[in-house]
Amino acid sequence: MRMRTSLPLTLALAAILAGCANPPPAPPAEANAWRPMKLPGKLSTHYEWSVKEGRAAVSAQADRSASLWRRHVAPELKHARELQFSWWVQDMIPTADLSDPDLGDAPARVLLGFDGDTASLPLRTRLMFDLAKTLTGEEPPYATLVYVWDAKLPVGTVLKHPRSDRVRKIVVDSGAAQLRRWREHRRDVAADFRLVFGEEPGPLLTVALMTDSDNTRSRARAWYGAVELR
């Protein structure tokens, strides 16, 4: 004889089982400090708090877009010299090329903005900063150090931004072999800054995440775990 389970009992069992499941991780305490930052003339990448493989994360979805998810650094961390972060990338952007200003997209980046003496910079750079301030309402950092996942360049490659030598990148993941899994990174920020800029870093101003696909007119998807400074 087959037992028939009533609909109310089925719903009750489902509710009990749901109550036994572990709740998803909550966003970190500093979640409210993060803000989207639009880039002039660009569609915005969509960022939101989510969960990826049981880990609280920022989901980033780019569709022919480029923008930042950024927070200002707390005063007690402005002289932090160690950075720890993680990211999870869905797919590479096959046609992207960071060395080409017309194809310079990447599925995942972490950017650090540093303070410094902008008056010491060449006139051309200062004029570029003035233009950026006019367009965005704020002056760019004295220097920006970017950690990036690239489709082709070897890990450890250092790149200057094609349009501004105040932005320099270090490739910390490369190619498709590590896709669709969490990648953990710990960096000596001071050593990396000296490597790419040839000087000591000033105080940290901002930390930002960036997933972009505007130049290649494509799509990109990534998740970012906690970004910690020490």
Protein backbone atom coordinates (compact mmCIF):
# COMPACT_ATOMS: atom_id res chain seq x y z
CA MET A 1 0.00 0.00 0.00
CA ARG A 2 1.48 3.41 -1.03
CA MET A 3 1.46 6.24 1.48
CA ARG A 4 0.23 9.60 0.20
CA THR A 5 1.82 12.72 1.67
CA SER A 6 -0.49 15.69 1.92
CA LEU A 7 0.61 19.05 0.50
CA PRO A 8 0.57 20.79 3.93
CA LEU A 9 2.85 18.09 5.36
CA THR A 10 5.21 18.39 2.37
CA LEU A 11 5.44 22.14 2.86
CA ALA A 12 6.06 21.69 6.57
CA LEU A 13 8.90 19.23 5.92
CA ALA A 14 10.43 21.63 3.38
CA ALA A 15 10.31 24.45 5.91
CA ILE A 16 12.01 22.30 8.56
CA LEU A 17 14.78 21.25 6.15
CA ALA A 18 15.28 24.83 5.04
CA GLY A 19 15.61 25.90 8.64
CA CYS A 20 18.36 23.33 9.17
CA ALA A 21 20.44 24.62 6.28
CA ASN A 22 23.28 26.99 7.02
CA PRO A 23 22.34 30.61 6.25
CA PRO A 24 24.41 32.31 3.53
CA PRO A 25 27.37 34.35 4.77
CA ALA A 26 26.54 37.96 5.47
CA PRO A 27 28.40 40.76 3.67
CA PRO A 28 31.47 41.94 5.63
CA ALA A 29 31.15 44.73 8.16
CA GLU A 30 32.70 47.27 5.78
CA ALA A 31 30.20 46.47 2.99
CA ASN A 32 28.52 49.85 3.31
CA ALA A 33 31.85 51.60 2.66
CA TRP A 34 32.00 50.32 -0.92
CA ARG A 35 30.51 52.50 -3.65
CA PRO A 36 30.21 52.27 -7.45
CA MET A 37 32.37 54.70 -9.39
CA LYS A 38 31.28 55.46 -12.93
CA LEU A 39 33.86 56.17 -15.63
CA PRO A 40 33.12 58.99 -18.09
CA GLY A 41 31.55 57.82 -21.33
CA LYS A 42 31.36 54.16 -20.23
CA LEU A 43 28.50 51.82 -19.44
CA SER A 44 28.73 50.66 -15.83
CA THR A 45 29.65 47.16 -14.77
CA HIS A 46 27.07 45.72 -12.36
CA TYR A 47 28.42 44.99 -8.87
CA GLU A 48 26.45 43.51 -6.00
CA TRP A 49 27.01 41.54 -2.80
CA SER A 50 26.37 37.82 -3.28
CA VAL A 51 27.61 34.37 -2.26
CA LYS A 52 29.97 32.24 -4.35
CA GLU A 53 30.66 28.66 -3.28
CA GLY A 54 29.71 29.47 0.31
CA ARG A 55 31.82 32.63 0.47
CA ALA A 56 30.50 36.18 0.80
CA ALA A 57 31.62 37.95 -2.36
CA VAL A 58 31.11 40.86 -4.71
CA SER A 59 29.62 39.70 -8.00
CA ALA A 60 30.79 41.65 -11.06
CA GLN A 61 29.04 41.43 -14.43
CA ALA A 62 30.43 43.45 -17.34
CA ASP A 63 28.54 43.81 -20.59
CA ARG A 64 30.56 46.09 -22.89
CA SER A 65 31.13 48.12 -19.72
CA ALA A 66 33.79 49.46 -17.36
CA SER A 67 33.45 50.95 -13.89
CA LEU A 68 34.85 50.55 -10.37
CA TRP A 69 33.58 49.23 -7.06
CA ARG A 70 35.60 51.30 -4.61
CA ARG A 71 36.11 52.24 -0.98
CA HIS A 72 38.31 54.76 0.77
CA VAL A 73 40.98 53.38 3.09
CA ALA A 74 40.45 53.87 6.81
CA PRO A 75 43.02 56.19 8.47
CA GLU A 76 44.59 53.36 10.48
CA LEU A 77 45.30 51.42 7.25
CA LYS A 78 46.79 54.19 5.13
CA HIS A 79 50.28 52.83 5.73
CA ALA A 80 49.37 49.15 5.40
CA ARG A 81 52.01 47.20 3.51
CA GLU A 82 50.35 43.83 2.98
CA LEU A 83 47.32 43.05 0.83
CA GLN A 84 45.30 39.86 0.77
CA PHE A 85 42.52 39.24 -1.75
CA SER A 86 40.77 36.49 -3.70
CA TRP A 87 38.83 36.28 -6.94
CA TRP A 88 36.89 33.75 -9.01
CA VAL A 89 36.72 34.27 -12.81
CA GLN A 90 34.18 32.60 -15.08
CA ASP A 91 35.95 32.94 -18.45
CA MET A 92 38.77 34.78 -20.16
CA ILE A 93 38.13 37.54 -22.71
CA PRO A 94 39.83 35.92 -25.75
CA THR A 95 40.47 39.12 -27.71
CA ALA A 96 41.66 41.23 -24.76
CA ASP A 97 45.25 42.52 -24.75
CA LEU A 98 46.42 44.72 -21.88
CA SER A 99 49.35 46.00 -23.91
CA ASP A 100 46.96 47.42 -26.53
CA PRO A 101 44.98 50.52 -25.43
CA ASP A 102 42.15 49.54 -27.77
CA LEU A 103 41.81 46.02 -26.33
CA GLY A 104 42.82 46.55 -22.71
CA ASP A 105 40.08 44.65 -20.88
CA ALA A 106 40.42 42.17 -18.01
CA PRO A 107 37.92 40.01 -16.11
CA ALA A 108 39.40 40.85 -12.71
CA ARG A 109 41.50 43.64 -11.23
CA VAL A 110 42.27 45.00 -7.76
CA LEU A 111 43.45 48.62 -7.74
CA LEU A 112 45.27 50.54 -4.99
CA GLY A 113 45.35 54.34 -5.14
CA PHE A 114 48.24 56.15 -3.39
CA ASP A 115 48.76 59.73 -2.28
CA GLY A 116 51.90 61.67 -3.23
CA ASP A 117 53.33 64.96 -4.41
CA THR A 118 51.46 65.59 -7.66
CA ALA A 119 53.29 68.91 -8.06
CA SER A 120 56.46 66.90 -8.75
CA LEU A 121 54.91 65.19 -11.78
CA PRO A 122 55.56 66.33 -15.38
CA LEU A 123 53.34 69.09 -16.74
CA ARG A 124 51.66 66.72 -19.20
CA THR A 125 50.63 64.41 -16.37
CA ARG A 126 49.33 67.27 -14.24
CA LEU A 127 47.24 68.53 -17.16
CA MET A 128 45.83 65.02 -17.58
CA PHE A 129 44.97 64.97 -13.87
CA ASP A 130 43.19 68.33 -14.27
CA LEU A 131 41.15 66.93 -17.13
CA ALA A 132 40.26 63.82 -15.13
CA LYS A 133 39.12 66.00 -12.23
CA THR A 134 36.92 68.01 -14.57
CA LEU A 135 35.31 64.84 -15.92
CA THR A 136 34.89 62.91 -12.66
CA GLY A 137 34.79 65.59 -9.98
CA GLU A 138 37.87 64.31 -8.18
CA GLU A 139 41.61 64.29 -8.72
CA PRO A 140 43.18 60.91 -9.58
CA PRO A 141 45.57 59.31 -7.10
CA TYR A 142 49.24 60.23 -7.39
CA ALA A 143 49.88 56.60 -8.36
CA THR A 144 47.70 53.55 -8.97
CA LEU A 145 48.97 49.98 -8.57
CA VAL A 146 46.83 47.34 -10.28
CA TYR A 147 46.82 43.57 -9.77
CA VAL A 148 45.24 41.89 -12.80
CA TRP A 149 44.25 38.54 -14.31
CA ASP A 150 45.28 38.51 -17.98
CA ALA A 151 44.45 36.06 -20.74
CA LYS A 152 47.97 35.70 -22.17
CA LEU A 153 50.75 37.61 -20.40
CA PRO A 154 52.95 35.61 -17.97
CA VAL A 155 52.54 36.01 -14.22
CA GLY A 156 54.89 38.73 -12.99
CA THR A 157 54.58 40.88 -16.13
CA VAL A 158 54.64 44.61 -15.32
CA LEU A 159 52.77 47.00 -17.61
CA LYS A 160 52.42 50.75 -17.78
CA HIS A 161 49.01 52.04 -18.74
CA PRO A 162 49.19 53.06 -22.41
CA ARG A 163 47.78 56.52 -21.64
CA SER A 164 49.17 57.26 -18.17
CA ASP A 165 52.43 56.12 -16.60
CA ARG A 166 50.89 56.82 -13.17
CA VAL A 167 48.92 53.58 -13.54
CA ARG A 168 50.99 50.39 -13.55
CA LYS A 169 49.87 46.79 -13.53
CA ILE A 170 51.23 43.47 -12.29
CA VAL A 171 49.86 40.23 -13.76
CA VAL A 172 49.17 37.87 -10.85
CA ASP A 173 47.04 35.28 -12.68
CA SER A 174 47.29 34.32 -16.34
CA GLY A 175 45.36 32.19 -18.80
CA ALA A 176 42.47 29.79 -18.38
CA ALA A 177 44.05 27.00 -16.30
CA GLN A 178 42.80 28.40 -12.98
CA LEU A 179 39.34 29.51 -14.10
CA ARG A 180 36.19 28.73 -12.12
CA ARG A 181 37.86 28.32 -8.77
CA TRP A 182 38.87 30.67 -5.98
CA ARG A 183 42.36 32.10 -6.39
CA GLU A 184 44.02 33.47 -3.25
CA HIS A 185 46.68 36.19 -3.32
CA ARG A 186 48.88 37.82 -0.70
CA ARG A 187 51.08 40.71 -1.81
CA ASP A 188 53.81 42.85 -0.28
CA VAL A 189 52.39 46.20 -1.39
CA ALA A 190 55.50 48.24 -0.60
CA ALA A 191 57.76 45.86 -2.53
CA ASP A 192 55.38 45.81 -5.50
CA PHE A 193 55.16 49.61 -5.52
CA ARG A 194 58.94 49.95 -5.50
CA LEU A 195 59.15 47.41 -8.31
CA VAL A 196 56.77 49.20 -10.67
CA PHE A 197 57.33 52.87 -9.73
CA GLY A 198 60.91 52.85 -8.46
CA GLU A 199 60.08 54.82 -5.29
CA GLU A 200 58.58 54.35 -1.85
CA PRO A 201 54.76 54.31 -1.65
CA GLY A 202 52.87 57.16 -0.06
CA PRO A 203 49.72 56.70 2.05
CA LEU A 204 46.98 54.52 0.65
CA LEU A 205 43.85 56.39 -0.41
CA THR A 206 41.52 53.86 -2.04
CA VAL A 207 40.97 50.20 -2.85
CA ALA A 208 38.87 49.26 -5.87
CA LEU A 209 37.68 46.28 -7.87
CA MET A 210 37.25 46.39 -11.63
CA THR A 211 35.81 43.97 -14.19
CA ASP A 212 35.68 45.54 -17.65
CA SER A 213 34.83 44.51 -21.21
CA ASP A 214 34.16 47.83 -22.92
CA ASN A 215 37.09 47.87 -25.35
CA THR A 216 36.45 44.38 -26.71
CA ARG A 217 32.66 44.89 -26.74
CA SER A 218 32.26 41.61 -24.89
CA ARG A 219 31.10 40.25 -21.54
CA ALA A 220 32.95 39.22 -18.39
CA ARG A 221 31.94 37.69 -15.06
CA ALA A 222 33.91 37.50 -11.81
CA TRP A 223 33.48 37.32 -8.06
CA TYR A 224 35.73 38.99 -5.47
CA GLY A 225 36.26 37.81 -1.92
CA ALA A 226 37.31 39.99 1.00
CA VAL A 227 40.06 42.54 0.35
CA GLU A 228 42.20 42.92 3.48
CA LEU A 229 45.01 45.34 4.30
CA ARG A 230 47.52 44.89 7.09
